[in-house]
């Protein structure tokens, strides 16, 4: 996160925003997880793309969780 000083955005509002973004990303990840393609049937490339998308969600969610922790404690 940057060192930008927010003058009007209170800590509570930042946490609300982070919670909303986390919820949206978790919902999207869950939806994607429910559409997991078969590893055995179809094209292997489709599964590889799905796996990459899941990893992107995992990385994004992890970053948001760290940002929330930093906001709560820092």
Protein backbone atom coordinates (compact mmCIF):
# COMPACT_ATOMS: atom_id res chain seq x y z
CA UNK A 1 0.00 0.00 0.00
CA UNK A 2 1.12 3.53 -0.64
CA UNK A 3 2.05 6.12 1.95
CA UNK A 4 -0.63 8.49 0.65
CA UNK A 5 -2.33 10.30 3.52
CA UNK A 6 -6.11 10.15 3.26
CA UNK A 7 -7.64 13.16 4.96
CA UNK A 8 -11.34 12.40 4.55
CA UNK A 9 -11.38 8.61 4.36
CA UNK A 10 -11.64 7.28 7.90
CA UNK A 11 -10.23 3.94 9.01
CA UNK A 12 -13.73 2.50 9.44
CA UNK A 13 -14.68 3.44 5.88
CA UNK A 14 -11.45 1.88 4.54
CA UNK A 15 -12.30 -1.34 6.36
CA UNK A 16 -15.84 -1.30 4.93
CA UNK A 17 -14.41 -0.92 1.42
CA UNK A 18 -11.90 -3.72 1.97
CA UNK A 19 -14.62 -6.01 3.36
CA UNK A 20 -16.86 -5.29 0.37
CA UNK A 21 -14.02 -5.98 -2.08
CA UNK A 22 -13.08 -9.18 -0.24
CA UNK A 23 -16.67 -10.38 -0.34
CA UNK A 24 -16.94 -9.68 -4.07
CA UNK A 25 -13.69 -11.50 -4.81
CA UNK A 26 -14.62 -14.48 -2.65
CA UNK A 27 -18.00 -14.73 -4.39
CA UNK A 28 -16.33 -14.62 -7.80
CA UNK A 29 -13.74 -17.20 -6.75
CA UNK A 30 -16.47 -19.49 -5.39
CA UNK A 31 -18.41 -19.19 -8.64
CA UNK A 32 -15.31 -20.00 -10.64
CA UNK A 33 -14.54 -22.95 -8.37
CA UNK A 34 -18.01 -24.37 -9.06
CA UNK A 35 -17.25 -24.35 -12.79
CA UNK A 36 -14.03 -26.38 -12.57
CA UNK A 37 -13.50 -28.13 -15.89
CA UNK A 38 -12.61 -31.80 -16.01
CA UNK A 39 -8.90 -32.55 -16.11
CA UNK A 40 -9.53 -35.66 -18.15
CA UNK A 41 -12.18 -34.54 -20.61
CA UNK A 42 -12.01 -31.62 -22.96
CA UNK A 43 -8.99 -29.51 -23.69
CA UNK A 44 -6.10 -29.40 -21.23
CA UNK A 45 -5.71 -25.70 -22.04
CA UNK A 46 -9.16 -24.99 -20.59
CA UNK A 47 -8.17 -26.50 -17.24
CA UNK A 48 -4.86 -24.62 -17.26
CA UNK A 49 -6.68 -21.33 -17.88
CA UNK A 50 -9.14 -22.11 -15.08
CA UNK A 51 -6.25 -22.92 -12.74
CA UNK A 52 -4.50 -19.63 -13.61
CA UNK A 53 -7.71 -17.68 -12.94
CA UNK A 54 -8.08 -19.40 -9.55
CA UNK A 55 -4.50 -18.48 -8.70
CA UNK A 56 -5.16 -14.85 -9.63
CA UNK A 57 -8.16 -14.77 -7.29
CA UNK A 58 -6.13 -16.40 -4.51
CA UNK A 59 -3.38 -13.81 -4.95
CA UNK A 60 -5.83 -10.92 -5.05
CA UNK A 61 -7.71 -12.12 -1.98
CA UNK A 62 -4.44 -12.59 -0.10
CA UNK A 63 -3.37 -9.03 -0.95
CA UNK A 64 -6.70 -7.62 0.21
CA UNK A 65 -6.52 -9.61 3.46
CA UNK A 66 -3.03 -8.23 4.11
CA UNK A 67 -4.21 -4.70 3.32
CA UNK A 68 -7.11 -5.15 5.74
CA UNK A 69 -4.77 -6.43 8.46
CA UNK A 70 -2.44 -3.49 7.89
CA UNK A 71 -5.35 -1.05 8.02
CA UNK A 72 -6.71 -2.60 11.21
CA UNK A 73 -3.35 -2.69 12.97
CA UNK A 74 -1.27 -0.02 11.40
